[in-house]
Amino acid sequence: MENDVLSSLWETLLNGDQSIPKMSGCKKWLSQAVPHSLTEDTLLLDVMNDFTKEWIINNYKEPIEAFLKSQFNRPMTLEVEIRPDLANKEEDLFPDHGAAAPKAQEPIISKKGPRQDFSSNLSPKYVFENFVIGNSNRFAHAASKAVAEAPAKVYNPLFLYSDSGLGKTHLMNAIGNKIHQDHPEMKILYTSSETFTNELINSIQNNATEAFRNKYRNIDVLLIDDIQFLRKKESTQEEFFHTFETLYKAEKQIIISSDRKPSELDTLEERLKSRFTWGLIADIQPPDLETRIAILKNMALKDHISVPDSVTNLIASNISTNIRELEGAYTKVRAYSQFSNEPITEELAIEALKDLNLTPVSRTITIEAIQQYIASYYNITLNDLLSKKRTANITLPRQIGMYLARTLTDLSLPRIGESFGGRDHTTVLHACDKILSKSKEKTEFAKEIEKHIAHLKG
């Protein structure tokens, strides 16, 4: 009886109950889960990796629990557990995308066995272990790891996009290196759209198109960087289209990177842009201050040198958009220190990077300092400030603290909420809106907020 109820319930969920807000679009993700059990108060799902678990919990836990409550007329909880063996399921995880386009030739499917001598073009220095994770790249990193752990089983193709210098190349190489480590028999090829184009032109000129096609279609994993540079010339896009089709139909993994999302690739044919959306699209944003500092500390650790926190804060506070520029600044400071035989200090960093006109950081304001100050000023305990209590004498100081944290630090909204007793980002947004609104309505309150800011800035 329980199995019948569970099966019926699961079918309804997969079809997406439109009466429940936020349930549209859930099928793609829930189809990667397996219903494990249904008890008096809990629905338990099994998924194959952390990424899928996190996505379902973050995006569908609330609407699914609302759906369960509507079905059983009592509060129900959704729980998700990881079962890595699900990655070996035979069935397709995604629905068919319609009729197949005409193909240039039959798929060439590589057979498993001892790996032949094959140049992958992967850089061994880019691995997941030395990729610094932050809020700006967490989604792309998790998606990349999921693909690396189950190539062609989960998100195919995987499309990564961001501005230059934010980590796309690192993640693509990390995927390739991880797959090679776990599946040495697989043929992996990392290349750029420019190289693809040039090799195609050369093959046409030398009457060697068959060899070109064998190279790109007789592989297990294709990683192609900077797809935005794929030439508009019809023959180039035609060749790449058929390469994509051959690999996709043979269930080979495709990973693509670009400086913009598929819909904004104006020079590419619609049929290509459409196929880029078949799997998963993940963007990478510029790193926040915490991530930039972590990147600098990671480089110093790798080089076995001591860099004071004041120096990493100085560099990270002045270079905010590009990781390559951040790495370049660090390298210049390190070299300046070595050549001058002087220890790394703020003064040395400012001198070494004088062309950047660094602005000294007067004092780093931490969220802990804000919380201590607010608790003391409003005569409440720190435990009360971070608690779930909602009395007026605690709620307002807490909202002020959140507002000050957003104004005076580079922390993300989720991080601020987590620091204030595990609240979510919407609570932080509400608090900030409340303080701004009250400041506009009451001059005295606005002056009080200004006084707090001045005190914390020192």
Protein backbone atom coordinates (compact mmCIF):
# COMPACT_ATOMS: atom_id res chain seq x y z
CA MET A 1 0.00 0.00 0.00
CA GLU A 2 2.83 2.36 0.91
CA ASN A 3 4.52 1.65 -2.44
CA ASP A 4 1.31 2.46 -4.32
CA VAL A 5 0.95 5.77 -2.49
CA LEU A 6 4.62 6.58 -3.05
CA SER A 7 4.42 5.76 -6.78
CA SER A 8 1.31 7.88 -7.25
CA LEU A 9 2.80 10.73 -5.26
CA TRP A 10 6.05 10.60 -7.22
CA GLU A 11 4.27 10.65 -10.57
CA THR A 12 2.34 13.76 -9.51
CA LEU A 13 5.55 15.47 -8.37
CA LEU A 14 7.40 14.62 -11.59
CA ASN A 15 4.61 16.13 -13.63
CA GLY A 16 4.86 19.33 -11.56
CA ASP A 17 1.75 20.35 -9.63
CA GLN A 18 1.10 23.84 -11.03
CA SER A 19 -1.12 24.70 -8.08
CA ILE A 20 1.98 24.79 -5.88
CA PRO A 21 4.14 27.90 -6.39
CA LYS A 22 7.72 27.34 -7.69
CA MET A 23 7.02 23.76 -8.79
CA SER A 24 7.31 24.48 -12.51
CA GLY A 25 10.59 23.20 -13.94
CA CYS A 26 11.13 20.64 -11.20
CA LYS A 27 10.88 17.58 -13.44
CA LYS A 28 14.41 17.92 -14.83
CA TRP A 29 15.84 17.77 -11.30
CA LEU A 30 13.46 15.31 -9.67
CA SER A 31 14.01 12.88 -12.56
CA GLN A 32 17.56 12.52 -11.22
CA ALA A 33 16.22 11.37 -7.85
CA VAL A 34 14.75 8.05 -6.75
CA PRO A 35 11.95 7.91 -4.15
CA HIS A 36 13.29 5.82 -1.29
CA SER A 37 10.51 5.80 1.29
CA LEU A 38 7.41 7.55 2.58
CA THR A 39 6.71 7.54 6.31
CA GLU A 40 4.15 9.26 8.52
CA ASP A 41 5.98 12.58 8.32
CA THR A 42 8.86 12.25 5.82
CA LEU A 43 9.46 11.73 2.09
CA LEU A 44 13.01 10.44 1.51
CA LEU A 45 14.69 10.77 -1.89
CA ASP A 46 18.00 9.30 -3.08
CA VAL A 47 20.27 11.25 -5.46
CA MET A 48 23.68 10.52 -6.96
CA ASN A 49 25.75 13.52 -5.79
CA ASP A 50 26.02 16.57 -3.53
CA PHE A 51 25.19 18.98 -6.32
CA THR A 52 21.79 17.45 -7.10
CA LYS A 53 20.99 17.19 -3.38
CA GLU A 54 21.88 20.85 -2.81
CA TRP A 55 19.89 22.01 -5.83
CA ILE A 56 16.72 20.13 -4.83
CA ILE A 57 16.96 21.25 -1.19
CA ASN A 58 17.64 24.90 -2.06
CA ASN A 59 15.06 25.20 -4.83
CA TYR A 60 12.29 22.68 -4.21
CA LYS A 61 12.24 21.70 -0.53
CA GLU A 62 9.74 24.39 0.44
CA PRO A 63 7.26 23.86 -2.45
CA ILE A 64 7.50 20.07 -2.18
CA GLU A 65 6.77 20.19 1.55
CA ALA A 66 3.82 22.48 0.80
CA PHE A 67 2.63 19.95 -1.78
CA LEU A 68 2.98 17.09 0.72
CA LYS A 69 1.00 19.03 3.31
CA SER A 70 -1.79 19.58 0.78
CA GLN A 71 -1.88 15.84 0.02
CA PHE A 72 -1.79 14.51 3.59
CA ASN A 73 -3.29 17.43 5.50
CA ARG A 74 -0.38 17.52 7.97
CA PRO A 75 3.17 18.94 8.03
CA MET A 76 5.63 16.74 6.11
CA THR A 77 9.40 16.92 5.68
CA LEU A 78 11.50 16.31 2.56
CA GLU A 79 14.86 14.61 3.12
CA VAL A 80 17.49 13.88 0.46
CA GLU A 81 20.33 11.36 0.78
CA ILE A 82 23.27 10.65 -1.53
CA ARG A 83 23.70 7.29 -3.25
CA PRO A 84 26.71 7.45 -5.61
CA ASP A 85 25.78 4.14 -7.26
CA LEU A 86 22.84 5.90 -8.95
CA ALA A 87 25.36 7.41 -11.37
CA ASN A 88 25.52 3.98 -13.01
CA LYS A 89 21.83 3.93 -13.92
CA GLU A 90 21.25 2.82 -17.49
CA GLU A 91 18.21 4.97 -18.18
CA ASP A 92 18.46 8.50 -19.59
CA LEU A 93 18.29 11.25 -17.00
CA PHE A 94 16.90 13.80 -19.40
CA PRO A 95 14.03 13.65 -21.87
CA ASP A 96 14.61 13.37 -25.60
CA HIS A 97 15.03 16.72 -27.31
CA GLY A 98 12.99 16.03 -30.37
CA ALA A 99 13.80 14.78 -33.83
CA ALA A 100 17.44 14.32 -34.66
CA ALA A 101 19.04 16.74 -37.09
CA PRO A 102 20.69 15.35 -40.24
CA LYS A 103 24.08 13.91 -39.39
CA ALA A 104 27.31 14.06 -41.32
CA GLN A 105 28.27 10.44 -40.64
CA GLU A 106 27.63 7.57 -38.27
CA PRO A 107 28.87 8.07 -34.71
CA ILE A 108 32.34 6.78 -34.04
CA ILE A 109 32.14 5.21 -30.60
CA SER A 110 35.39 4.65 -28.77
CA LYS A 111 35.66 1.33 -27.00
CA LYS A 112 36.94 0.94 -23.46
CA GLY A 113 40.35 -0.62 -23.06
CA PRO A 114 43.95 0.41 -22.50
CA ARG A 115 44.33 4.10 -23.22
CA GLN A 116 46.22 4.83 -26.44
CA ASP A 117 48.83 7.58 -26.75
CA PHE A 118 46.56 10.60 -27.07
CA SER A 119 47.30 14.26 -26.38
CA SER A 120 44.51 15.74 -24.25
CA ASN A 121 46.04 19.26 -24.02
CA LEU A 122 45.05 19.36 -20.34
CA SER A 123 47.10 21.41 -17.90
CA PRO A 124 47.97 19.32 -14.81
CA LYS A 125 48.20 22.43 -12.61
CA TYR A 126 44.43 23.01 -12.77
CA VAL A 127 42.63 20.58 -10.43
CA PHE A 128 39.62 20.80 -8.13
CA GLU A 129 41.86 20.63 -5.06
CA ASN A 130 43.44 24.04 -5.74
CA PHE A 131 40.28 25.79 -6.96
CA VAL A 132 39.16 28.34 -4.35
CA ILE A 133 35.40 28.13 -3.83
CA GLY A 134 33.28 31.17 -2.99
CA ASN A 135 29.70 32.32 -3.41
CA SER A 136 30.54 33.65 -6.88
CA ASN A 137 31.57 30.26 -8.29
CA ARG A 138 30.00 27.66 -5.96
CA PHE A 139 27.30 26.60 -8.43
CA ALA A 140 29.70 26.26 -11.37
CA HIS A 141 32.19 24.33 -9.22
CA ALA A 142 29.52 21.91 -7.95
CA ALA A 143 28.22 21.35 -11.49
CA SER A 144 31.74 20.73 -12.78
CA LYS A 145 32.47 18.19 -10.03
CA ALA A 146 29.20 16.39 -10.73
CA VAL A 147 30.13 16.07 -14.42
CA ALA A 148 33.67 14.94 -13.60
CA GLU A 149 32.37 12.24 -11.25
CA ALA A 150 29.78 10.92 -13.74
CA PRO A 151 30.72 11.94 -17.30
CA ALA A 152 27.78 11.92 -19.74
CA LYS A 153 25.47 10.74 -16.94
CA VAL A 154 24.19 14.01 -15.52
CA TYR A 155 24.60 17.37 -17.31
CA ASN A 156 25.40 17.10 -20.99
CA PRO A 157 26.46 19.47 -22.30
CA LEU A 158 27.79 21.54 -19.40
CA PHE A 159 28.00 25.20 -20.44
CA LEU A 160 30.15 27.53 -18.29
CA TYR A 161 30.19 31.27 -18.89
CA SER A 162 31.78 34.33 -17.29
CA ASP A 163 33.95 37.33 -18.01
CA SER A 164 37.60 36.63 -18.73
CA GLY A 165 39.86 35.55 -15.88
CA LEU A 166 37.29 34.20 -13.43
CA GLY A 167 38.11 30.48 -13.48
CA LYS A 168 36.39 28.85 -16.47
CA THR A 169 39.64 27.43 -17.83
CA HIS A 170 40.60 26.14 -14.38
CA LEU A 171 37.28 24.31 -14.00
CA MET A 172 37.40 22.83 -17.50
CA ASN A 173 40.90 21.46 -16.97
CA ALA A 174 39.91 20.22 -13.50
CA ILE A 175 37.02 18.28 -15.05
CA GLY A 176 39.32 16.71 -17.63
CA ASN A 177 42.02 15.85 -15.08
CA LYS A 178 39.50 14.27 -12.69
CA ILE A 179 37.96 12.15 -15.46
CA HIS A 180 41.43 11.06 -16.62
CA GLN A 181 42.33 10.12 -13.04
CA ASP A 182 39.18 8.02 -12.57
CA HIS A 183 38.89 6.71 -16.16
CA PRO A 184 42.38 6.49 -17.71
CA GLU A 185 40.95 4.53 -20.64
CA MET A 186 38.87 7.51 -21.79
CA LYS A 187 40.01 9.81 -24.58
CA ILE A 188 39.76 13.44 -23.45
CA LEU A 189 40.39 16.47 -25.64
CA TYR A 190 40.66 20.06 -24.40
CA THR A 191 40.82 22.70 -27.12
CA SER A 192 39.61 26.18 -28.09
CA SER A 193 37.13 27.15 -30.78
CA GLU A 194 39.96 29.02 -32.53
CA THR A 195 42.10 25.87 -32.67
CA PHE A 196 39.09 23.88 -33.90
CA THR A 197 38.57 26.42 -36.69
CA ASN A 198 42.24 26.56 -37.72
CA GLU A 199 42.56 22.77 -37.77
CA LEU A 200 39.42 22.51 -39.89
CA ILE A 201 40.80 25.02 -42.40
CA ASN A 202 44.12 23.16 -42.56
CA SER A 203 42.36 19.83 -43.05
CA ILE A 204 40.34 21.22 -45.97
CA GLN A 205 43.45 22.71 -47.58
CA ASN A 206 45.35 19.43 -47.17
CA ASN A 207 42.43 17.21 -48.16
CA ALA A 208 42.45 15.63 -44.69
CA THR A 209 38.94 16.25 -43.39
CA GLU A 210 38.48 12.58 -42.51
CA ALA A 211 41.45 12.70 -40.14
CA PHE A 212 40.06 15.91 -38.62
CA ARG A 213 36.69 14.28 -38.00
CA ASN A 214 38.29 11.18 -36.50
CA LYS A 215 40.24 13.34 -34.07
CA TYR A 216 37.21 15.25 -32.78
CA ARG A 217 34.57 12.53 -32.98
CA ASN A 218 36.49 9.50 -31.75
CA ILE A 219 36.76 10.77 -28.16
CA ASP A 220 34.89 10.34 -24.88
CA VAL A 221 35.10 13.90 -23.54
CA LEU A 222 35.31 17.16 -25.51
CA LEU A 223 36.14 20.36 -23.64
CA ILE A 224 35.97 23.39 -25.93
CA ASP A 225 36.99 26.80 -24.60
CA ASP A 226 35.81 30.25 -25.76
CA ILE A 227 33.06 29.06 -28.08
CA GLN A 228 32.22 32.73 -28.79
CA PHE A 229 35.20 32.82 -31.18
CA LEU A 230 33.79 30.07 -33.41
CA ARG A 231 33.81 31.59 -36.86
CA LYS A 232 30.57 32.72 -38.40
CA LYS A 233 31.58 30.96 -41.62
CA GLU A 234 28.90 28.42 -42.46
CA SER A 235 31.24 25.47 -43.04
CA THR A 236 32.90 25.89 -39.61
CA GLN A 237 29.63 25.94 -37.70
CA GLU A 238 28.32 23.08 -39.83
CA GLU A 239 31.33 20.96 -38.89
CA PHE A 240 31.05 21.78 -35.19
CA PHE A 241 27.31 21.07 -35.27
CA HIS A 242 27.89 17.56 -36.64
CA THR A 243 30.74 16.98 -34.18
CA PHE A 244 28.39 17.93 -31.34
CA GLU A 245 25.62 15.70 -32.72
CA THR A 246 27.95 12.71 -33.13
CA LEU A 247 29.32 12.95 -29.60
CA TYR A 248 25.96 13.68 -27.99
CA LYS A 249 24.22 10.73 -29.66
CA ALA A 250 27.11 8.47 -28.70
CA GLU A 251 26.61 9.61 -25.08
CA LYS A 252 29.98 11.33 -24.83
CA GLN A 253 30.49 14.27 -22.46
CA ILE A 254 30.68 17.80 -23.89
CA ILE A 255 31.82 20.82 -21.86
CA ILE A 256 31.74 24.30 -23.38
CA SER A 257 32.89 27.68 -22.10
CA SER A 258 32.07 31.19 -23.25
CA ASP A 259 32.18 34.80 -22.13
CA ARG A 260 28.39 35.04 -22.40
CA LYS A 261 25.27 32.87 -22.11
CA PRO A 262 24.10 30.87 -25.17
CA SER A 263 21.24 33.25 -26.00
CA GLU A 264 23.76 36.10 -26.39
CA LEU A 265 26.04 34.30 -28.86
CA ASP A 266 24.81 36.35 -31.80
CA THR A 267 27.32 34.96 -34.33
CA LEU A 268 26.23 31.34 -33.80
CA GLU A 269 23.40 29.52 -35.54
CA GLU A 270 20.20 29.00 -33.58
CA ARG A 271 20.47 25.21 -33.77
CA LEU A 272 23.84 25.37 -31.99
CA LYS A 273 22.62 27.80 -29.32
CA SER A 274 19.61 25.57 -28.73
CA ARG A 275 21.79 22.50 -28.17
CA PHE A 276 23.97 24.36 -25.69
CA THR A 277 20.90 24.64 -23.43
CA TRP A 278 20.14 20.91 -23.42
CA GLY A 279 22.21 20.24 -20.33
CA LEU A 280 23.15 22.70 -17.60
CA ILE A 281 24.24 26.34 -17.84
CA ALA A 282 26.34 27.75 -14.98
CA ASP A 283 27.81 31.22 -14.66
CA ILE A 284 30.74 32.52 -12.61
CA GLN A 285 30.58 35.99 -11.09
CA PRO A 286 33.51 38.17 -9.95
CA PRO A 287 34.77 36.90 -6.57
CA ASP A 288 33.75 38.66 -3.36
CA LEU A 289 36.34 40.02 -0.93
CA GLU A 290 36.47 36.83 1.15
CA THR A 291 37.16 34.71 -1.93
CA ARG A 292 39.80 37.11 -3.24
CA ILE A 293 41.61 37.00 0.11
CA ALA A 294 41.37 33.18 0.13
CA ILE A 295 42.87 33.03 -3.38
CA LEU A 296 45.83 35.17 -2.31
CA LYS A 297 46.39 33.09 0.83
CA ASN A 298 46.20 29.93 -1.23
CA MET A 299 48.94 31.20 -3.56
CA ALA A 300 51.16 32.19 -0.63
CA LEU A 301 50.64 28.77 0.96
CA LYS A 302 51.59 27.04 -2.28
CA ASP A 303 54.78 29.16 -2.50
CA HIS A 304 55.63 28.57 1.19
CA ILE A 305 55.94 32.28 1.94
CA SER A 306 54.47 34.44 4.69
CA VAL A 307 52.13 37.22 3.59
CA PRO A 308 50.53 39.31 6.38
CA ASP A 309 46.74 39.55 6.45
CA SER A 310 47.04 43.31 6.03
CA VAL A 311 48.73 42.78 2.64
CA THR A 312 46.21 40.23 1.36
CA ASN A 313 43.41 42.56 2.49
CA LEU A 314 45.10 45.49 0.74
CA ILE A 315 45.50 43.69 -2.59
CA ALA A 316 42.08 42.01 -2.46
CA SER A 317 40.32 45.28 -1.59
CA ASN A 318 41.84 47.07 -4.59
CA ILE A 319 41.53 44.37 -7.25
CA SER A 320 37.98 43.11 -7.42
CA THR A 321 37.03 42.02 -10.93
CA ASN A 322 39.60 39.59 -12.29
CA ILE A 323 41.46 36.66 -10.74
CA ARG A 324 44.30 36.91 -13.27
CA GLU A 325 44.93 40.51 -12.21
CA LEU A 326 44.85 39.37 -8.59
CA GLU A 327 47.42 36.66 -9.31
CA GLY A 328 49.54 39.13 -11.29
CA ALA A 329 49.58 41.60 -8.39
CA TYR A 330 50.57 38.86 -5.94
CA THR A 331 53.38 37.68 -8.23
CA LYS A 332 54.71 41.23 -8.58
CA VAL A 333 54.73 41.78 -4.80
CA ARG A 334 56.46 38.43 -4.22
CA ALA A 335 59.12 39.21 -6.87
CA TYR A 336 59.67 42.73 -5.49
CA SER A 337 60.22 41.24 -2.03
CA GLN A 338 62.72 38.67 -3.34
CA PHE A 339 64.72 41.12 -5.46
CA SER A 340 64.90 43.75 -2.72
CA ASN A 341 65.53 41.14 -0.02
CA GLU A 342 62.83 42.78 2.10
CA PRO A 343 59.89 41.12 3.93
CA ILE A 344 56.43 41.58 2.48
CA THR A 345 54.67 44.50 4.19
CA GLU A 346 51.90 46.93 3.29
CA GLU A 347 54.50 49.57 2.42
CA LEU A 348 56.37 47.17 0.12
CA ALA A 349 53.12 46.10 -1.59
CA ILE A 350 52.10 49.72 -2.21
CA GLU A 351 55.55 50.44 -3.69
CA ALA A 352 55.55 47.29 -5.84
CA LEU A 353 52.07 48.05 -7.16
CA LYS A 354 52.39 51.83 -7.40
CA ASP A 355 51.09 51.74 -10.99
CA LEU A 356 47.75 50.51 -9.57
CA ASN A 357 47.42 53.43 -7.11
CA LEU A 358 46.37 51.17 -4.25
CA THR A 359 44.11 52.72 -1.65
CA PRO A 360 45.25 51.70 1.86
CA VAL A 361 42.64 49.84 3.89
CA SER A 362 42.20 51.86 7.06
CA ARG A 363 40.74 48.98 9.06
CA THR A 364 39.00 45.77 8.22
CA ILE A 365 35.50 45.74 9.69
CA THR A 366 34.39 42.23 10.58
CA ILE A 367 30.87 41.02 11.15
CA GLU A 368 31.95 39.88 14.63
CA ALA A 369 33.02 43.45 15.47
CA ILE A 370 29.66 44.78 14.26
CA GLN A 371 27.75 42.25 16.37
CA GLN A 372 29.80 42.96 19.51
CA TYR A 373 29.32 46.72 19.08
CA ILE A 374 25.55 46.50 18.45
CA ALA A 375 24.99 44.16 21.40
CA SER A 376 26.93 46.50 23.68
CA TYR A 377 25.31 49.68 22.37
CA TYR A 378 21.74 48.40 22.76
CA ASN A 379 22.48 46.64 26.06
CA ILE A 380 21.55 43.13 24.94
CA THR A 381 23.59 39.93 25.03
CA LEU A 382 25.30 38.60 21.93
CA ASN A 383 23.36 35.35 22.36
CA ASP A 384 20.07 37.27 22.24
CA LEU A 385 21.20 39.20 19.16
CA LEU A 386 21.87 35.94 17.31
CA SER A 387 18.90 34.05 18.74
CA LYS A 388 15.45 33.39 17.27
CA LYS A 389 13.83 35.83 19.73
CA ARG A 390 11.55 38.35 18.04
CA THR A 391 10.88 40.92 20.78
CA ALA A 392 11.17 44.53 19.62
CA ASN A 393 14.18 45.35 21.80
CA ILE A 394 16.12 42.54 20.08
CA THR A 395 14.66 42.54 16.55
CA LEU A 396 15.54 46.16 15.74
CA PRO A 397 19.22 45.93 16.86
CA ARG A 398 19.49 42.68 14.89
CA GLN A 399 18.14 44.40 11.77
CA ILE A 400 20.54 47.30 12.29
CA GLY A 401 23.40 44.83 12.63
CA MET A 402 22.45 43.13 9.36
CA TYR A 403 22.21 46.50 7.61
CA LEU A 404 25.64 47.55 8.90
CA ALA A 405 27.13 44.21 7.84
CA ARG A 406 25.82 44.67 4.32
CA THR A 407 26.99 48.30 4.20
CA LEU A 408 30.43 47.93 5.77
CA THR A 409 31.59 44.48 4.66
CA ASP A 410 31.88 42.63 1.38
CA LEU A 411 30.02 39.60 2.71
CA SER A 412 27.23 38.04 0.66
CA LEU A 413 23.63 38.13 1.90
CA PRO A 414 23.58 34.36 2.64
CA ARG A 415 26.81 34.70 4.64
CA ILE A 416 25.41 37.62 6.66
CA GLY A 417 22.22 35.69 7.36
CA GLU A 418 24.21 32.64 8.45
CA SER A 419 26.26 34.81 10.83
CA PHE A 420 23.09 36.18 12.41
CA GLY A 421 21.77 32.90 13.77
CA GLY A 422 21.39 30.92 10.55
CA ARG A 423 18.88 33.19 8.82
CA ASP A 424 18.42 33.16 5.05
CA HIS A 425 19.25 35.95 2.59
CA THR A 426 15.63 37.10 2.29
CA THR A 427 15.61 37.95 6.01
CA VAL A 428 18.73 40.08 5.51
CA LEU A 429 17.14 41.86 2.56
CA HIS A 430 14.00 42.56 4.59
CA ALA A 431 16.08 43.93 7.47
CA CYS A 432 18.05 46.25 5.18
CA ASP A 433 14.86 47.53 3.53
CA LYS A 434 13.34 48.13 6.97
CA ILE A 435 16.34 50.18 8.18
CA LEU A 436 16.51 52.23 4.98
CA SER A 437 12.78 52.95 5.14
CA LYS A 438 12.93 53.97 8.80
CA SER A 439 15.97 56.19 8.12
CA LYS A 440 14.01 58.08 5.46
CA GLU A 441 11.02 58.54 7.76
CA LYS A 442 12.86 59.55 10.94
CA THR A 443 15.82 61.95 10.91
CA GLU A 444 16.95 61.00 14.41
CA PHE A 445 17.08 57.34 13.48
CA ALA A 446 19.11 58.16 10.36
CA LYS A 447 21.60 60.08 12.53
CA GLU A 448 21.84 57.08 14.86
CA ILE A 449 22.75 54.82 11.93
CA GLU A 450 25.34 57.34 10.71
CA LYS A 451 26.84 57.39 14.20
CA HIS A 452 27.16 53.60 14.17
CA ILE A 453 28.89 53.67 10.78
CA ALA A 454 31.31 56.41 11.87
CA HIS A 455 32.17 54.52 15.06
CA LEU A 456 32.85 51.23 13.25
CA LYS A 457 34.97 52.91 10.59
CA GLY A 458 37.04 54.39 13.42
